[in-house]
C-alpha atoms as a PDB file:
ATOM      1  CA  UNK A   1       7.970 -43.374  15.359  1.00  0.00           C
ATOM      2  CA  UNK A   2       8.196 -46.852  13.891  1.00  0.00           C
ATOM      3  CA  UNK A   3       5.610 -49.440  14.886  1.00  0.00           C
ATOM      4  CA  UNK A   4       8.159 -52.224  15.304  1.00  0.00           C
ATOM      5  CA  UNK A   5       5.625 -54.944  16.069  1.00  0.00           C
ATOM      6  CA  UNK A   6       3.501 -54.121  13.027  1.00  0.00           C
ATOM      7  CA  UNK A   7       6.571 -53.974  10.785  1.00  0.00           C
ATOM      8  CA  UNK A   8       7.712 -57.369  12.064  1.00  0.00           C
ATOM      9  CA  UNK A   9       4.326 -58.998  11.492  1.00  0.00           C
ATOM     10  CA  UNK A  10       3.939 -57.516   8.014  1.00  0.00           C
ATOM     11  CA  UNK A  11       7.402 -58.650   6.922  1.00  0.00           C
ATOM     12  CA  UNK A  12       7.475 -62.101   8.520  1.00  0.00           C
ATOM     13  CA  UNK A  13       3.836 -63.070   8.618  1.00  0.00           C
ATOM     14  CA  UNK A  14       4.299 -63.885  12.298  1.00  0.00           C
ATOM     15  CA  UNK A  15       2.931 -61.917  15.242  1.00  0.00           C
ATOM     16  CA  UNK A  16       5.431 -60.223  17.494  1.00  0.00           C
ATOM     17  CA  UNK A  17       6.181 -62.304  20.604  1.00  0.00           C
ATOM     18  CA  UNK A  18       4.535 -61.782  23.950  1.00  0.00           C
ATOM     19  CA  UNK A  19       5.942 -58.745  25.757  1.00  0.00           C
ATOM     20  CA  UNK A  20       7.514 -57.439  22.543  1.00  0.00           C
ATOM     21  CA  UNK A  21       6.303 -53.976  23.541  1.00  0.00           C
ATOM     22  CA  UNK A  22       8.811 -54.074  26.401  1.00  0.00           C
ATOM     23  CA  UNK A  23      11.565 -53.587  23.833  1.00  0.00           C
ATOM     24  CA  UNK A  24      10.062 -50.477  22.224  1.00  0.00           C
ATOM     25  CA  UNK A  25      11.784 -47.998  24.614  1.00  0.00           C
ATOM     26  CA  UNK A  26      15.100 -49.733  23.911  1.00  0.00           C
ATOM     27  CA  UNK A  27      14.572 -49.553  20.142  1.00  0.00           C
ATOM     28  CA  UNK A  28      13.629 -45.873  20.434  1.00  0.00           C
ATOM     29  CA  UNK A  29      16.813 -45.231  22.433  1.00  0.00           C
ATOM     30  CA  UNK A  30      18.880 -46.960  19.730  1.00  0.00           C
ATOM     31  CA  UNK A  31      17.131 -44.885  17.049  1.00  0.00           C
ATOM     32  CA  UNK A  32      18.004 -41.750  19.034  1.00  0.00           C
ATOM     33  CA  UNK A  33      21.673 -42.841  19.170  1.00  0.00           C
ATOM     34  CA  UNK A  34      21.647 -42.852  22.962  1.00  0.00           C
ATOM     35  CA  UNK A  35      24.429 -44.491  24.963  1.00  0.00           C
ATOM     36  CA  UNK A  36      23.203 -47.786  26.392  1.00  0.00           C
ATOM     37  CA  UNK A  37      24.246 -49.951  29.340  1.00  0.00           C
ATOM     38  CA  UNK A  38      25.681 -53.444  28.738  1.00  0.00           C
ATOM     39  CA  UNK A  39      23.404 -55.897  26.928  1.00  0.00           C
ATOM     40  CA  UNK A  40      22.403 -57.816  30.052  1.00  0.00           C
ATOM     41  CA  UNK A  41      21.282 -54.611  31.745  1.00  0.00           C
ATOM     42  CA  UNK A  42      19.256 -53.640  28.674  1.00  0.00           C
ATOM     43  CA  UNK A  43      17.545 -57.018  28.805  1.00  0.00           C
ATOM     44  CA  UNK A  44      16.652 -56.826  32.493  1.00  0.00           C
ATOM     45  CA  UNK A  45      15.490 -53.215  32.172  1.00  0.00           C
ATOM     46  CA  UNK A  46      13.081 -54.450  29.488  1.00  0.00           C
ATOM     47  CA  UNK A  47      11.668 -57.063  31.849  1.00  0.00           C
ATOM     48  CA  UNK A  48      13.530 -60.130  30.579  1.00  0.00           C
ATOM     49  CA  UNK A  49      16.334 -62.244  32.023  1.00  0.00           C
ATOM     50  CA  UNK A  50      19.873 -60.986  31.535  1.00  0.00           C
ATOM     51  CA  UNK A  51      20.812 -63.321  28.654  1.00  0.00           C
ATOM     52  CA  UNK A  52      17.607 -62.900  26.615  1.00  0.00           C
ATOM     53  CA  UNK A  53      19.085 -60.434  24.121  1.00  0.00           C
ATOM     54  CA  UNK A  54      22.416 -62.231  23.715  1.00  0.00           C
ATOM     55  CA  UNK A  55      21.544 -65.950  23.912  1.00  0.00           C
ATOM     56  CA  UNK A  56      19.188 -67.292  21.210  1.00  0.00           C
ATOM     57  CA  UNK A  57      18.261 -70.232  23.445  1.00  0.00           C
ATOM     58  CA  UNK A  58      17.080 -68.163  26.419  1.00  0.00           C
ATOM     59  CA  UNK A  59      13.879 -66.839  24.816  1.00  0.00           C
ATOM     60  CA  UNK A  60      14.015 -67.693  21.092  1.00  0.00           C
ATOM     61  CA  UNK A  61      10.939 -65.722  20.012  1.00  0.00           C
ATOM     62  CA  UNK A  62      12.060 -62.502  21.694  1.00  0.00           C
ATOM     63  CA  UNK A  63      15.628 -62.956  20.453  1.00  0.00           C
ATOM     64  CA  UNK A  64      14.460 -63.403  16.844  1.00  0.00           C
ATOM     65  CA  UNK A  65      12.227 -60.324  17.094  1.00  0.00           C
ATOM     66  CA  UNK A  66      15.024 -58.258  18.637  1.00  0.00           C
ATOM     67  CA  UNK A  67      17.523 -59.276  15.970  1.00  0.00           C
ATOM     68  CA  UNK A  68      15.013 -58.661  13.170  1.00  0.00           C
ATOM     69  CA  UNK A  69      14.282 -55.125  14.347  1.00  0.00           C
ATOM     70  CA  UNK A  70      17.997 -54.331  14.617  1.00  0.00           C
ATOM     71  CA  UNK A  71      18.676 -55.667  11.124  1.00  0.00           C
ATOM     72  CA  UNK A  72      15.636 -54.204   9.373  1.00  0.00           C
ATOM     73  CA  UNK A  73      14.492 -51.101  11.232  1.00  0.00           C
ATOM     74  CA  UNK A  74      17.631 -49.792  12.909  1.00  0.00           C
ATOM     75  CA  UNK A  75      20.377 -50.722  10.465  1.00  0.00           C
ATOM     76  CA  UNK A  76      21.489 -47.073  10.155  1.00  0.00           C
ATOM     77  CA  UNK A  77      21.783 -46.717  13.934  1.00  0.00           C
ATOM     78  CA  UNK A  78      24.720 -48.759  15.283  1.00  0.00           C
ATOM     79  CA  UNK A  79      24.249 -49.571  18.941  1.00  0.00           C
ATOM     80  CA  UNK A  80      26.208 -47.385  21.354  1.00  0.00           C
ATOM     81  CA  UNK A  81      26.359 -49.875  24.214  1.00  0.00           C
ATOM     82  CA  UNK A  82      28.985 -50.331  26.889  1.00  0.00           C
ATOM     83  CA  UNK A  83      30.759 -53.616  26.285  1.00  0.00           C
ATOM     84  CA  UNK A  84      30.882 -56.296  28.964  1.00  0.00           C
ATOM     85  CA  UNK A  85      33.417 -58.451  27.094  1.00  0.00           C
ATOM     86  CA  UNK A  86      36.009 -58.649  29.873  1.00  0.00           C
ATOM     87  CA  UNK A  87      36.375 -62.420  30.266  1.00  0.00           C
ATOM     88  CA  UNK A  88      39.840 -63.849  29.677  1.00  0.00           C
ATOM     89  CA  UNK A  89      43.122 -64.103  31.525  1.00  0.00           C
ATOM     90  CA  UNK A  90      42.992 -60.679  33.158  1.00  0.00           C
ATOM     91  CA  UNK A  91      42.277 -59.124  36.530  1.00  0.00           C
ATOM     92  CA  UNK A  92      40.026 -56.089  36.078  1.00  0.00           C
ATOM     93  CA  UNK A  93      39.508 -53.512  38.815  1.00  0.00           C
ATOM     94  CA  UNK A  94      38.625 -49.865  39.226  1.00  0.00           C
ATOM     95  CA  UNK A  95      40.145 -47.445  41.738  1.00  0.00           C
ATOM     96  CA  UNK A  96      42.073 -50.089  43.682  1.00  0.00           C
ATOM     97  CA  UNK A  97      45.682 -49.571  42.535  1.00  0.00           C
ATOM     98  CA  UNK A  98      47.483 -46.225  42.554  1.00  0.00           C
ATOM     99  CA  UNK A  99      48.194 -45.510  38.893  1.00  0.00           C
ATOM    100  CA  UNK A 100      48.071 -42.757  36.301  1.00  0.00           C
ATOM    101  CA  UNK A 101      46.405 -45.127  33.860  1.00  0.00           C
ATOM    102  CA  UNK A 102      42.738 -44.531  33.051  1.00  0.00           C
ATOM    103  CA  UNK A 103      40.333 -46.627  35.108  1.00  0.00           C
ATOM    104  CA  UNK A 104      39.374 -49.431  35.100  1.00  0.00           C
ATOM    105  CA  UNK A 105      42.748 -51.192  34.981  1.00  0.00           C
ATOM    106  CA  UNK A 106      43.269 -54.576  33.314  1.00  0.00           C
ATOM    107  CA  UNK A 107      46.218 -56.682  34.472  1.00  0.00           C
ATOM    108  CA  UNK A 108      47.548 -59.790  32.739  1.00  0.00           C
ATOM    109  CA  UNK A 109      49.274 -62.757  34.452  1.00  0.00           C
ATOM    110  CA  UNK A 110      52.752 -61.382  33.701  1.00  0.00           C
ATOM    111  CA  UNK A 111      52.013 -58.263  35.758  1.00  0.00           C
ATOM    112  CA  UNK A 112      50.799 -60.026  38.896  1.00  0.00           C
ATOM    113  CA  UNK A 113      54.120 -60.343  40.715  1.00  0.00           C
ATOM    114  CA  UNK A 114      55.012 -56.687  40.154  1.00  0.00           C
ATOM    115  CA  UNK A 115      51.664 -55.502  41.553  1.00  0.00           C
ATOM    116  CA  UNK A 116      52.737 -56.532  45.053  1.00  0.00           C
ATOM    117  CA  UNK A 117      54.714 -53.291  45.325  1.00  0.00           C
ATOM    118  CA  UNK A 118      52.172 -50.976  43.688  1.00  0.00           C
ATOM    119  CA  UNK A 119      50.435 -48.837  46.355  1.00  0.00           C
ATOM    120  CA  UNK A 120      46.707 -49.163  46.858  1.00  0.00           C
ATOM    121  CA  UNK A 121      44.389 -46.162  46.798  1.00  0.00           C
ATOM    122  CA  UNK A 122      41.476 -48.044  48.337  1.00  0.00           C
ATOM    123  CA  UNK A 123      40.959 -49.624  51.736  1.00  0.00           C
ATOM    124  CA  UNK A 124      37.728 -51.342  50.674  1.00  0.00           C
ATOM    125  CA  UNK A 125      36.429 -52.754  47.397  1.00  0.00           C
ATOM    126  CA  UNK A 126      33.308 -54.498  46.141  1.00  0.00           C
ATOM    127  CA  UNK A 127      33.687 -57.694  44.100  1.00  0.00           C
ATOM    128  CA  UNK A 128      30.953 -57.999  41.452  1.00  0.00           C
ATOM    129  CA  UNK A 129      30.155 -61.328  39.820  1.00  0.00           C
ATOM    130  CA  UNK A 130      29.014 -60.114  36.427  1.00  0.00           C
ATOM    131  CA  UNK A 131      31.018 -58.137  33.867  1.00  0.00           C
ATOM    132  CA  UNK A 132      28.083 -56.021  32.794  1.00  0.00           C
ATOM    133  CA  UNK A 133      27.217 -55.011  36.345  1.00  0.00           C
ATOM    134  CA  UNK A 134      30.854 -54.066  36.974  1.00  0.00           C
ATOM    135  CA  UNK A 135      30.917 -51.999  33.770  1.00  0.00           C
ATOM    136  CA  UNK A 136      27.592 -50.273  34.482  1.00  0.00           C
ATOM    137  CA  UNK A 137      28.360 -49.411  38.106  1.00  0.00           C
ATOM    138  CA  UNK A 138      31.805 -48.138  37.125  1.00  0.00           C
ATOM    139  CA  UNK A 139      30.164 -45.990  34.458  1.00  0.00           C
ATOM    140  CA  UNK A 140      27.648 -44.574  36.932  1.00  0.00           C
ATOM    141  CA  UNK A 141      30.104 -44.243  39.833  1.00  0.00           C
ATOM    142  CA  UNK A 142      33.580 -43.802  38.306  1.00  0.00           C
ATOM    143  CA  UNK A 143      35.328 -43.295  41.667  1.00  0.00           C
ATOM    144  CA  UNK A 144      34.065 -46.443  43.392  1.00  0.00           C
ATOM    145  CA  UNK A 145      36.639 -49.201  44.102  1.00  0.00           C
ATOM    146  CA  UNK A 146      35.314 -52.263  42.279  1.00  0.00           C
ATOM    147  CA  UNK A 147      36.689 -55.663  41.272  1.00  0.00           C
ATOM    148  CA  UNK A 148      35.286 -57.703  38.381  1.00  0.00           C
ATOM    149  CA  UNK A 149      34.781 -61.385  39.173  1.00  0.00           C
ATOM    150  CA  UNK A 150      33.871 -62.135  35.511  1.00  0.00           C
ATOM    151  CA  UNK A 151      31.400 -64.870  36.354  1.00  0.00           C
ATOM    152  CA  UNK A 152      32.914 -68.323  36.546  1.00  0.00           C
ATOM    153  CA  UNK A 153      36.196 -67.156  35.034  1.00  0.00           C
ATOM    154  CA  UNK A 154      38.616 -67.884  37.883  1.00  0.00           C
ATOM    155  CA  UNK A 155      41.739 -67.178  35.848  1.00  0.00           C
ATOM    156  CA  UNK A 156      45.278 -67.295  37.219  1.00  0.00           C
ATOM    157  CA  UNK A 157      45.677 -63.520  37.508  1.00  0.00           C
ATOM    158  CA  UNK A 158      42.471 -63.214  39.509  1.00  0.00           C
ATOM    159  CA  UNK A 159      43.222 -66.172  41.768  1.00  0.00           C
ATOM    160  CA  UNK A 160      46.655 -64.746  42.622  1.00  0.00           C
ATOM    161  CA  UNK A 161      45.836 -61.060  42.935  1.00  0.00           C
ATOM    162  CA  UNK A 162      42.642 -61.217  44.983  1.00  0.00           C
ATOM    163  CA  UNK A 163      44.196 -63.066  47.976  1.00  0.00           C
ATOM    164  CA  UNK A 164      47.270 -60.851  47.618  1.00  0.00           C
ATOM    165  CA  UNK A 165      45.149 -57.706  47.909  1.00  0.00           C
ATOM    166  CA  UNK A 166      43.343 -59.014  50.976  1.00  0.00           C
ATOM    167  CA  UNK A 167      46.670 -59.945  52.569  1.00  0.00           C
ATOM    168  CA  UNK A 168      47.772 -56.350  52.010  1.00  0.00           C
ATOM    169  CA  UNK A 169      44.815 -55.102  54.028  1.00  0.00           C
ATOM    170  CA  UNK A 170      42.119 -54.513  51.415  1.00  0.00           C
ATOM    171  CA  UNK A 171      38.657 -55.187  52.850  1.00  0.00           C
ATOM    172  CA  UNK A 172      36.380 -56.811  50.288  1.00  0.00           C
ATOM    173  CA  UNK A 173      32.740 -57.738  50.059  1.00  0.00           C
ATOM    174  CA  UNK A 174      30.937 -59.674  47.331  1.00  0.00           C
ATOM    175  CA  UNK A 175      27.726 -59.345  45.329  1.00  0.00           C
ATOM    176  CA  UNK A 176      26.455 -61.895  42.806  1.00  0.00           C
ATOM    177  CA  UNK A 177      23.430 -63.477  41.153  1.00  0.00           C
ATOM    178  CA  UNK A 178      20.977 -65.060  43.562  1.00  0.00           C
ATOM    179  CA  UNK A 179      20.630 -68.383  41.789  1.00  0.00           C
ATOM    180  CA  UNK A 180      22.305 -71.768  42.093  1.00  0.00           C
ATOM    181  CA  UNK A 181      25.240 -71.008  39.750  1.00  0.00           C
ATOM    182  CA  UNK A 182      25.693 -67.624  41.425  1.00  0.00           C
ATOM    183  CA  UNK A 183      25.886 -69.192  44.877  1.00  0.00           C
ATOM    184  CA  UNK A 184      28.454 -71.698  43.594  1.00  0.00           C
ATOM    185  CA  UNK A 185      30.598 -68.850  42.252  1.00  0.00           C
ATOM    186  CA  UNK A 186      30.315 -67.036  45.584  1.00  0.00           C
ATOM    187  CA  UNK A 187      31.410 -70.230  47.317  1.00  0.00           C
ATOM    188  CA  UNK A 188      34.530 -70.396  45.135  1.00  0.00           C
ATOM    189  CA  UNK A 189      35.365 -66.791  46.012  1.00  0.00           C
ATOM    190  CA  UNK A 190      35.070 -67.673  49.699  1.00  0.00           C
ATOM    191  CA  UNK A 191      37.417 -70.593  49.050  1.00  0.00           C
ATOM    192  CA  UNK A 192      39.994 -68.163  47.651  1.00  0.00           C
ATOM    193  CA  UNK A 193      39.697 -66.016  50.776  1.00  0.00           C
ATOM    194  CA  UNK A 194      39.453 -68.384  53.765  1.00  0.00           C
ATOM    195  CA  UNK A 195      40.847 -65.660  56.025  1.00  0.00           C
ATOM    196  CA  UNK A 196      37.762 -63.494  55.390  1.00  0.00           C
ATOM    197  CA  UNK A 197      34.723 -64.374  57.500  1.00  0.00           C
ATOM    198  CA  UNK A 198      31.655 -65.234  55.430  1.00  0.00           C
ATOM    199  CA  UNK A 199      29.597 -62.708  57.396  1.00  0.00           C
ATOM    200  CA  UNK A 200      31.992 -60.004  56.180  1.00  0.00           C
ATOM    201  CA  UNK A 201      32.465 -61.241  52.624  1.00  0.00           C
ATOM    202  CA  UNK A 202      28.709 -61.463  52.087  1.00  0.00           C
ATOM    203  CA  UNK A 203      27.597 -58.649  54.364  1.00  0.00           C
ATOM    204  CA  UNK A 204      25.786 -56.857  51.525  1.00  0.00           C
ATOM    205  CA  UNK A 205      23.847 -59.977  50.537  1.00  0.00           C
ATOM    206  CA  UNK A 206      23.355 -61.609  53.915  1.00  0.00           C
ATOM    207  CA  UNK A 207      20.662 -64.314  54.186  1.00  0.00           C
ATOM    208  CA  UNK A 208      17.982 -61.904  55.427  1.00  0.00           C
ATOM    209  CA  UNK A 209      18.735 -59.558  52.524  1.00  0.00           C
ATOM    210  CA  UNK A 210      18.579 -62.457  50.075  1.00  0.00           C
ATOM    211  CA  UNK A 211      15.100 -63.371  51.322  1.00  0.00           C
ATOM    212  CA  UNK A 212      13.976 -59.766  50.862  1.00  0.00           C
ATOM    213  CA  UNK A 213      15.359 -59.500  47.328  1.00  0.00           C
ATOM    214  CA  UNK A 214      13.897 -62.848  46.287  1.00  0.00           C
ATOM    215  CA  UNK A 215      10.520 -61.726  47.607  1.00  0.00           C
ATOM    216  CA  UNK A 216      10.649 -58.317  45.918  1.00  0.00           C
ATOM    217  CA  UNK A 217      12.265 -59.230  42.597  1.00  0.00           C
ATOM    218  CA  UNK A 218      12.006 -62.997  42.170  1.00  0.00           C
ATOM    219  CA  UNK A 219       8.373 -63.217  41.085  1.00  0.00           C
ATOM    220  CA  UNK A 220       8.172 -64.692  37.593  1.00  0.00           C
ATOM    221  CA  UNK A 221      11.828 -65.718  37.601  1.00  0.00           C
ATOM    222  CA  UNK A 222      11.365 -69.471  37.771  1.00  0.00           C
ATOM    223  CA  UNK A 223      13.779 -71.939  36.213  1.00  0.00           C
ATOM    224  CA  UNK A 224      14.535 -75.265  37.873  1.00  0.00           C
ATOM    225  CA  UNK A 225      18.078 -75.186  36.484  1.00  0.00           C
ATOM    226  CA  UNK A 226      18.759 -71.948  38.323  1.00  0.00           C
ATOM    227  CA  UNK A 227      17.122 -72.851  41.637  1.00  0.00           C
ATOM    228  CA  UNK A 228      18.295 -76.448  42.041  1.00  0.00           C
ATOM    229  CA  UNK A 229      20.200 -77.744  45.048  1.00  0.00           C
ATOM    230  CA  UNK A 230      23.951 -77.779  44.418  1.00  0.00           C
ATOM    231  CA  UNK A 231      26.964 -78.481  46.594  1.00  0.00           C
ATOM    232  CA  UNK A 232      28.531 -75.524  48.399  1.00  0.00           C
ATOM    233  CA  UNK A 233      30.927 -75.537  51.331  1.00  0.00           C
ATOM    234  CA  UNK A 234      30.101 -72.240  53.056  1.00  0.00           C
ATOM    235  CA  UNK A 235      27.308 -72.645  55.659  1.00  0.00           C
ATOM    236  CA  UNK A 236      25.997 -69.114  55.098  1.00  0.00           C
ATOM    237  CA  UNK A 237      25.705 -69.766  51.365  1.00  0.00           C
ATOM    238  CA  UNK A 238      24.029 -73.124  51.962  1.00  0.00           C
ATOM    239  CA  UNK A 239      21.399 -71.215  53.928  1.00  0.00           C
ATOM    240  CA  UNK A 240      20.880 -68.798  51.045  1.00  0.00           C
ATOM    241  CA  UNK A 241      20.714 -71.639  48.539  1.00  0.00           C
ATOM    242  CA  UNK A 242      18.022 -73.367  50.601  1.00  0.00           C
ATOM    243  CA  UNK A 243      15.905 -70.224  50.386  1.00  0.00           C
ATOM    244  CA  UNK A 244      16.397 -69.966  46.619  1.00  0.00           C
ATOM    245  CA  UNK A 245      15.492 -73.640  46.169  1.00  0.00           C
ATOM    246  CA  UNK A 246      12.503 -73.495  48.518  1.00  0.00           C
ATOM    247  CA  UNK A 247      10.995 -70.376  46.935  1.00  0.00           C
ATOM    248  CA  UNK A 248      11.830 -71.591  43.429  1.00  0.00           C
ATOM    249  CA  UNK A 249      12.778 -68.051  42.372  1.00  0.00           C
ATOM    250  CA  UNK A 250      16.016 -66.382  41.360  1.00  0.00           C
ATOM    251  CA  UNK A 251      17.202 -62.779  41.076  1.00  0.00           C
ATOM    252  CA  UNK A 252      19.842 -61.454  38.697  1.00  0.00           C
ATOM    253  CA  UNK A 253      22.313 -58.735  39.607  1.00  0.00           C
ATOM    254  CA  UNK A 254      21.039 -56.455  36.871  1.00  0.00           C
ATOM    255  CA  UNK A 255      17.693 -56.263  38.705  1.00  0.00           C
ATOM    256  CA  UNK A 256      19.394 -54.896  41.806  1.00  0.00           C
ATOM    257  CA  UNK A 257      21.358 -51.913  40.472  1.00  0.00           C
ATOM    258  CA  UNK A 258      19.373 -49.333  42.442  1.00  0.00           C
ATOM    259  CA  UNK A 259      19.540 -51.401  45.622  1.00  0.00           C
ATOM    260  CA  UNK A 260      23.256 -51.993  45.086  1.00  0.00           C
ATOM    261  CA  UNK A 261      23.955 -48.298  44.702  1.00  0.00           C
ATOM    262  CA  UNK A 262      22.466 -47.462  48.084  1.00  0.00           C
ATOM    263  CA  UNK A 263      24.107 -50.388  49.880  1.00  0.00           C
ATOM    264  CA  UNK A 264      27.544 -49.966  48.305  1.00  0.00           C
ATOM    265  CA  UNK A 265      27.652 -46.240  48.976  1.00  0.00           C
ATOM    266  CA  UNK A 266      26.745 -46.813  52.623  1.00  0.00           C
ATOM    267  CA  UNK A 267      29.294 -49.650  53.014  1.00  0.00           C
ATOM    268  CA  UNK A 268      32.110 -47.618  51.479  1.00  0.00           C
ATOM    269  CA  UNK A 269      31.433 -44.804  53.949  1.00  0.00           C
ATOM    270  CA  UNK A 270      31.439 -47.049  57.024  1.00  0.00           C
END
């Protein structure tokens, strides 16, 4: 076993950052060539925010330490992580359309019109804000009908296909980050689907559930940029935003995987 913190300090002359030990299980998994979830999930599982291991500005000291260990201690062990790089001009879903293609299915803007005649194999589907959460849940539950929102990437294919699917009778519900940007994204999704009642679209993260998750998982997640008051049109989401702003805490989707699994499974069976 490598003492990563000691190796870092000896080589750089700098002590390992606070909570560096949280990354040791991840480094050991990389050294063992284990398959890993998307980067954001790795980060949250280690006790950090989702972008800590991919954004050098999020937590610079931890990011530098992480990158140093990869480059100096684990160079012979390429990471076997599921990619979350799905942002672009595509509509990505799993187990929604009837097709012989492997799931999930990625559709470009030129395919949108033709999809109107492709049969659906699902009557319900869960829209997930974050790529990595979509990828990880699809990996863990390969038969679940899921739709990738891809964060703030409201591309043309997505904006055309999602309302089209709902018009064809697909029942959808939405799950996203419980922070100010996440609530704004949810509000835009509601704007795409005015025919869907907010109580139905957000039934899995209703205001009472949001309070519970913020209480259970929001401690230590404080960032004024992510809990500020912003403009949203949906009354239900304004209520949730008020709670986020008042408590001053946020919760990321990656923290809620276990809770999601129970709630999604129950909702799909209803």
